[in-house]
Amino acid sequence: MAAHLRPRVERARGDTGDLMLLLGWTSEEMPRRCGASAAAERAQETHQRIGVGDHV
């Protein structure tokens, strides 16, 4: 997720409607993209933190 969007997304606290209103989005496509991007970032952070596959 783009760094400039993170504070706004956190303010919306996961509510798609609030997020769309805050960012001026009229389509639900952008929240889906934003959510997918955030999920990928969280997965990468978790992988680095716990070292999945490092000791195989």
C-alpha atoms as a PDB file:
ATOM      1  CA  MET A   1       0.000   0.000   0.000  1.00  0.00           C
ATOM      2  CA  ALA A   2       1.261   3.459  -0.790  1.00  0.00           C
ATOM      3  CA  ALA A   3       2.693   5.199   2.252  1.00  0.00           C
ATOM      4  CA  HIS A   4       0.547   8.289   1.714  1.00  0.00           C
ATOM      5  CA  LEU A   5      -2.635   6.175   1.934  1.00  0.00           C
ATOM      6  CA  ARG A   6      -1.755   4.309   5.140  1.00  0.00           C
ATOM      7  CA  PRO A   7      -2.936   7.012   7.623  1.00  0.00           C
ATOM      8  CA  ARG A   8      -6.250   7.360   5.825  1.00  0.00           C
ATOM      9  CA  VAL A   9      -6.788   3.617   5.678  1.00  0.00           C
ATOM     10  CA  GLU A  10      -6.023   3.316   9.394  1.00  0.00           C
ATOM     11  CA  ARG A  11      -8.540   6.067  10.153  1.00  0.00           C
ATOM     12  CA  ALA A  12     -11.214   4.158   8.231  1.00  0.00           C
ATOM     13  CA  ARG A  13     -10.456   1.088  10.396  1.00  0.00           C
ATOM     14  CA  GLY A  14     -11.321  -1.352   7.666  1.00  0.00           C
ATOM     15  CA  ASP A  15     -14.737   0.063   6.774  1.00  0.00           C
ATOM     16  CA  THR A  16     -14.876   0.051   2.979  1.00  0.00           C
ATOM     17  CA  GLY A  17     -17.579   2.713   2.791  1.00  0.00           C
ATOM     18  CA  ASP A  18     -15.659   5.096   5.052  1.00  0.00           C
ATOM     19  CA  LEU A  19     -12.461   4.450   3.130  1.00  0.00           C
ATOM     20  CA  MET A  20     -14.179   5.181  -0.174  1.00  0.00           C
ATOM     21  CA  LEU A  21     -15.620   8.411   1.215  1.00  0.00           C
ATOM     22  CA  LEU A  22     -12.283   9.561   2.692  1.00  0.00           C
ATOM     23  CA  LEU A  23     -10.399   8.955  -0.558  1.00  0.00           C
ATOM     24  CA  GLY A  24     -13.123  10.002  -2.984  1.00  0.00           C
ATOM     25  CA  TRP A  25     -13.377   6.600  -4.645  1.00  0.00           C
ATOM     26  CA  THR A  26     -16.626   5.786  -6.453  1.00  0.00           C
ATOM     27  CA  SER A  27     -15.798   2.172  -7.321  1.00  0.00           C
ATOM     28  CA  GLU A  28     -15.083  -0.701  -4.936  1.00  0.00           C
ATOM     29  CA  GLU A  29     -12.171  -1.739  -7.175  1.00  0.00           C
ATOM     30  CA  MET A  30      -9.699   0.548  -5.389  1.00  0.00           C
ATOM     31  CA  PRO A  31     -10.441  -0.739  -1.856  1.00  0.00           C
ATOM     32  CA  ARG A  32      -9.998  -4.282  -3.201  1.00  0.00           C
ATOM     33  CA  ARG A  33      -6.624  -3.371  -4.709  1.00  0.00           C
ATOM     34  CA  CYS A  34      -5.602  -1.544  -1.549  1.00  0.00           C
ATOM     35  CA  GLY A  35      -6.629  -4.516   0.591  1.00  0.00           C
ATOM     36  CA  ALA A  36      -4.751  -6.970  -1.600  1.00  0.00           C
ATOM     37  CA  SER A  37      -1.652  -4.792  -1.475  1.00  0.00           C
ATOM     38  CA  ALA A  38      -1.850  -4.489   2.316  1.00  0.00           C
ATOM     39  CA  ALA A  39      -2.311  -8.254   2.675  1.00  0.00           C
ATOM     40  CA  ALA A  40       0.783  -8.887   0.558  1.00  0.00           C
ATOM     41  CA  GLU A  41       2.797  -6.436   2.674  1.00  0.00           C
ATOM     42  CA  ARG A  42       1.634  -8.081   5.910  1.00  0.00           C
ATOM     43  CA  ALA A  43       2.569 -11.507   4.565  1.00  0.00           C
ATOM     44  CA  GLN A  44       6.050 -10.308   3.633  1.00  0.00           C
ATOM     45  CA  GLU A  45       6.527  -8.705   7.047  1.00  0.00           C
ATOM     46  CA  THR A  46       5.401 -11.903   8.776  1.00  0.00           C
ATOM     47  CA  HIS A  47       7.737 -13.966   6.631  1.00  0.00           C
ATOM     48  CA  GLN A  48      10.675 -11.761   7.589  1.00  0.00           C
ATOM     49  CA  ARG A  49       9.717 -11.724  11.256  1.00  0.00           C
ATOM     50  CA  ILE A  50       9.287 -15.460  11.744  1.00  0.00           C
ATOM     51  CA  GLY A  51      11.674 -16.642   9.034  1.00  0.00           C
ATOM     52  CA  VAL A  52       9.368 -19.109   7.296  1.00  0.00           C
ATOM     53  CA  GLY A  53      11.509 -21.627   5.427  1.00  0.00           C
ATOM     54  CA  ASP A  54      14.820 -20.318   6.776  1.00  0.00           C
ATOM     55  CA  HIS A  55      15.660 -23.580   8.528  1.00  0.00           C
ATOM     56  CA  VAL A  56      14.653 -26.114   5.909  1.00  0.00           C
END
